Structure formats: structure tokens, C-alpha cells
């Protein structure tokens, strides 16, 4: 699914995923990309250490999951 995204879409998704105020649900609504696919995209596009830091930051964060808010 992520192969069909343009480079500009990938960049926007990465920026939204980094943003603390944007939930995975809103990314899915905008790009039709579920949380698992966003994580795969981030893993593939970011440097390993950047990905690790991002995952540590967003894991369990209420703002990233509308269901937890």
C-alpha cells in the first residue's frame, strides 16, 4: 500500500507522525493508511536511531491514539 504513495505524501505522513498533536486515526482518515502501515513507512524511511526514538516517543501516547484520549 505504501508503494503507491508519492514522495510528497510520504514526507507529509512522516511530518504528521512526528507531530505530537496528530493522531494515527487522523493520518488514516487523510491518507487511508492504518497505524501499522505508518509504522512500516517510518521504519523504512527513517534512520534506525531516528525510528527508535520516534517509536519510544509515540508508544502508548494518548495524543497519538484517539481511542485513548
Protein backbone atom coordinates (compact mmCIF):
# COMPACT_ATOMS: atom_id res chain seq x y z
CA UNK A 1 0.00 0.00 0.00
CA UNK A 2 2.78 2.45 0.83
CA UNK A 3 4.47 1.81 -2.53
CA UNK A 4 1.73 3.78 -4.30
CA UNK A 5 2.38 6.93 -2.25
CA UNK A 6 4.22 9.84 -3.83
CA UNK A 7 7.36 11.21 -2.24
CA UNK A 8 5.46 14.31 -1.13
CA UNK A 9 2.76 12.14 0.50
CA UNK A 10 5.44 10.14 2.32
CA UNK A 11 7.06 13.34 3.54
CA UNK A 12 3.73 14.68 4.77
CA UNK A 13 2.88 11.43 6.56
CA UNK A 14 6.29 11.42 8.26
CA UNK A 15 5.81 15.02 9.36
CA UNK A 16 2.33 14.25 10.70
CA UNK A 17 3.60 11.14 12.51
CA UNK A 18 6.38 13.18 14.17
CA UNK A 19 3.87 15.81 15.29
CA UNK A 20 2.64 15.14 18.81
CA UNK A 21 -0.80 16.62 18.12
CA UNK A 22 -1.67 14.42 15.12
CA UNK A 23 -3.22 11.04 15.88
CA UNK A 24 -2.78 7.89 13.83
CA UNK A 25 -6.55 7.97 13.25
CA UNK A 26 -6.35 11.35 11.54
CA UNK A 27 -3.46 10.14 9.35
CA UNK A 28 -5.59 7.14 8.40
CA UNK A 29 -8.56 9.38 7.53
CA UNK A 30 -6.41 11.64 5.39
CA UNK A 31 -4.24 9.04 3.61
CA UNK A 32 -6.16 5.77 4.14
CA UNK A 33 -3.07 4.37 5.85
CA UNK A 34 -3.59 2.42 9.10
CA UNK A 35 -1.24 2.74 12.08
CA UNK A 36 0.69 -0.45 11.23
CA UNK A 37 1.41 0.88 7.72
CA UNK A 38 2.53 4.25 9.12
CA UNK A 39 4.95 2.40 11.40
CA UNK A 40 6.27 0.36 8.44
CA UNK A 41 6.71 3.55 6.42
CA UNK A 42 8.57 5.24 9.28
CA UNK A 43 10.80 2.18 9.76
CA UNK A 44 11.67 2.13 6.06
CA UNK A 45 12.18 5.88 5.57
CA UNK A 46 13.93 6.94 8.79
CA UNK A 47 17.41 6.18 10.00
CA UNK A 48 17.35 3.30 12.54
CA UNK A 49 18.10 5.52 15.55
CA UNK A 50 15.52 8.12 14.48
CA UNK A 51 12.92 5.39 14.16
CA UNK A 52 13.77 4.04 17.63
CA UNK A 53 13.44 7.48 19.19
CA UNK A 54 10.13 8.10 17.41
CA UNK A 55 8.69 4.73 18.49
CA UNK A 56 9.73 5.34 22.07
CA UNK A 57 8.00 8.75 21.99
CA UNK A 58 4.69 7.62 20.46
CA UNK A 59 4.23 4.26 22.16
CA UNK A 60 1.18 4.47 24.39
CA UNK A 61 0.88 8.25 23.97
CA UNK A 62 -2.74 9.31 24.32
CA UNK A 63 -2.46 12.08 21.74
CA UNK A 64 -1.46 9.57 19.05
CA UNK A 65 -4.49 7.38 19.70
CA UNK A 66 -7.94 8.99 19.65
CA UNK A 67 -9.39 5.96 21.44
CA UNK A 68 -7.17 6.65 24.46
CA UNK A 69 -7.93 10.39 24.54
